[in-house]
Amino acid sequence: MARAADDLLHHDGRMERKHILMPRALIRRAEAMASDAQVTFAEIVRRSLRSYDPAAEKDDNDATLVQLAEALIQSNEAAIAYVDKVNSRLDKTHDDLAARKP
C-alpha cells in the first residue's frame, strides 16, 4: 500500500466522517488547492493535518521573537550612543559658555 494511502486509513482500515466549520475564505482556498492538485477537498485537509507541526510553529515564533529582541537591543544601543554623544557636545558647549562669562 502506498504511504499516502496508508496514512489515510485508520488501523482498522476505515475512515471516519467529521463535519467541520471553516471560514468561507479557507474553504475557497482549500477548494482551489484541491483543484490544482487534482485531489479532493478532504485530501487537502488530510495533507494539511499531516504537515502541521505545532512545535515548528512555536520554534518559528521563538526565532522571530529572538530576532525582534536583537533588533530592539541594537536600536537601543544606537540610541544610547547617540544620546551620550549629544550629552558630551552639550557638556562641551556648557563649558565653553561658562568660560566666556566675565
Protein backbone atom coordinates (compact mmCIF):
# COMPACT_ATOMS: atom_id res chain seq x y z
CA MET A 1 0.00 0.00 0.00
CA ALA A 2 1.35 3.46 -0.86
CA ARG A 3 2.44 5.63 2.05
CA ALA A 4 -0.16 8.37 1.36
CA ALA A 5 -2.95 5.82 1.17
CA ASP A 6 -1.64 4.11 4.29
CA ASP A 7 -1.66 7.45 6.14
CA LEU A 8 -5.31 7.93 5.25
CA LEU A 9 -6.52 4.71 6.80
CA HIS A 10 -7.14 4.07 10.46
CA HIS A 11 -5.60 0.97 11.98
CA ASP A 12 -8.80 -0.94 11.23
CA GLY A 13 -8.77 0.23 7.59
CA ARG A 14 -11.77 2.57 7.85
CA MET A 15 -12.08 6.32 7.64
CA GLU A 16 -14.50 8.36 9.70
CA ARG A 17 -16.59 11.30 8.60
CA LYS A 18 -16.19 14.52 10.55
CA HIS A 19 -18.14 17.69 9.87
CA ILE A 20 -16.20 20.88 10.47
CA LEU A 21 -16.92 24.57 10.36
CA MET A 22 -14.49 26.76 8.43
CA PRO A 23 -14.46 30.37 7.30
CA ARG A 24 -15.65 30.73 3.72
CA ALA A 25 -12.24 32.09 2.62
CA LEU A 26 -10.47 28.95 3.89
CA ILE A 27 -13.00 26.73 2.14
CA ARG A 28 -12.39 28.55 -1.16
CA ARG A 29 -8.65 28.30 -0.63
CA ALA A 30 -8.81 24.56 0.09
CA GLU A 31 -11.09 24.01 -2.92
CA ALA A 32 -8.63 25.85 -5.16
CA MET A 33 -5.73 23.83 -3.77
CA ALA A 34 -7.67 20.61 -4.33
CA SER A 35 -8.47 21.60 -7.89
CA ASP A 36 -4.85 22.50 -8.63
CA ALA A 37 -3.61 19.22 -7.13
CA GLN A 38 -6.47 17.25 -8.70
CA VAL A 39 -7.44 15.73 -5.36
CA THR A 40 -10.45 16.03 -3.10
CA PHE A 41 -11.11 18.74 -0.54
CA ALA A 42 -10.78 16.08 2.16
CA GLU A 43 -7.35 15.08 0.86
CA ILE A 44 -6.17 18.68 1.15
CA VAL A 45 -7.36 18.73 4.77
CA ARG A 46 -5.60 15.41 5.47
CA ARG A 47 -2.36 16.60 3.86
CA SER A 48 -2.52 19.84 5.81
CA LEU A 49 -3.01 17.99 9.08
CA ARG A 50 -0.14 15.61 8.33
CA SER A 51 2.18 18.54 7.64
CA TYR A 52 1.09 20.64 10.64
CA ASP A 53 3.70 20.74 13.39
CA PRO A 54 2.79 22.98 16.33
CA ALA A 55 6.34 22.63 17.68
CA ALA A 56 7.72 24.02 14.42
CA GLU A 57 5.32 26.94 14.64
CA LYS A 58 6.48 27.60 18.20
CA ASP A 59 10.11 27.40 17.05
CA ASP A 60 9.35 29.88 14.25
CA ASN A 61 7.68 32.21 16.72
CA ASP A 62 10.59 31.86 19.14
CA ALA A 63 13.09 32.64 16.37
CA THR A 64 11.06 35.69 15.34
CA LEU A 65 10.95 36.91 18.93
CA VAL A 66 14.71 36.47 19.26
CA GLN A 67 15.27 38.47 16.07
CA LEU A 68 12.94 41.21 17.28
CA ALA A 69 14.70 41.33 20.65
CA GLU A 70 18.10 41.54 18.98
CA ALA A 71 16.90 44.37 16.73
CA LEU A 72 15.47 46.20 19.74
CA ILE A 73 18.73 45.81 21.65
CA GLN A 74 20.74 47.14 18.70
CA SER A 75 18.35 50.05 18.28
CA ASN A 76 18.56 50.88 21.99
CA GLU A 77 22.35 50.66 21.94
CA ALA A 78 22.48 53.04 18.95
CA ALA A 79 20.08 55.46 20.67
CA ILE A 80 22.12 55.37 23.89
CA ALA A 81 25.34 56.03 21.97
CA TYR A 82 23.71 58.97 20.18
CA VAL A 83 22.35 60.43 23.43
CA ASP A 84 25.81 60.04 25.01
CA LYS A 85 27.33 61.89 22.05
CA VAL A 86 24.76 64.69 22.32
CA ASN A 87 25.30 64.96 26.08
CA SER A 88 29.04 65.20 25.52
CA ARG A 89 28.54 68.00 23.00
CA LEU A 90 26.16 69.78 25.38
CA ASP A 91 28.70 69.49 28.20
CA LYS A 92 31.39 70.98 25.94
CA THR A 93 29.06 73.80 24.86
CA HIS A 94 28.15 74.46 28.50
CA ASP A 95 31.82 74.61 29.46
CA ASP A 96 32.58 76.96 26.54
CA LEU A 97 29.74 79.28 27.55
CA ALA A 98 30.78 79.21 31.20
CA ALA A 99 34.33 80.15 30.22
CA ARG A 100 33.07 83.24 28.31
CA LYS A 101 31.36 84.76 31.34
CA PRO A 102 33.19 87.79 32.79
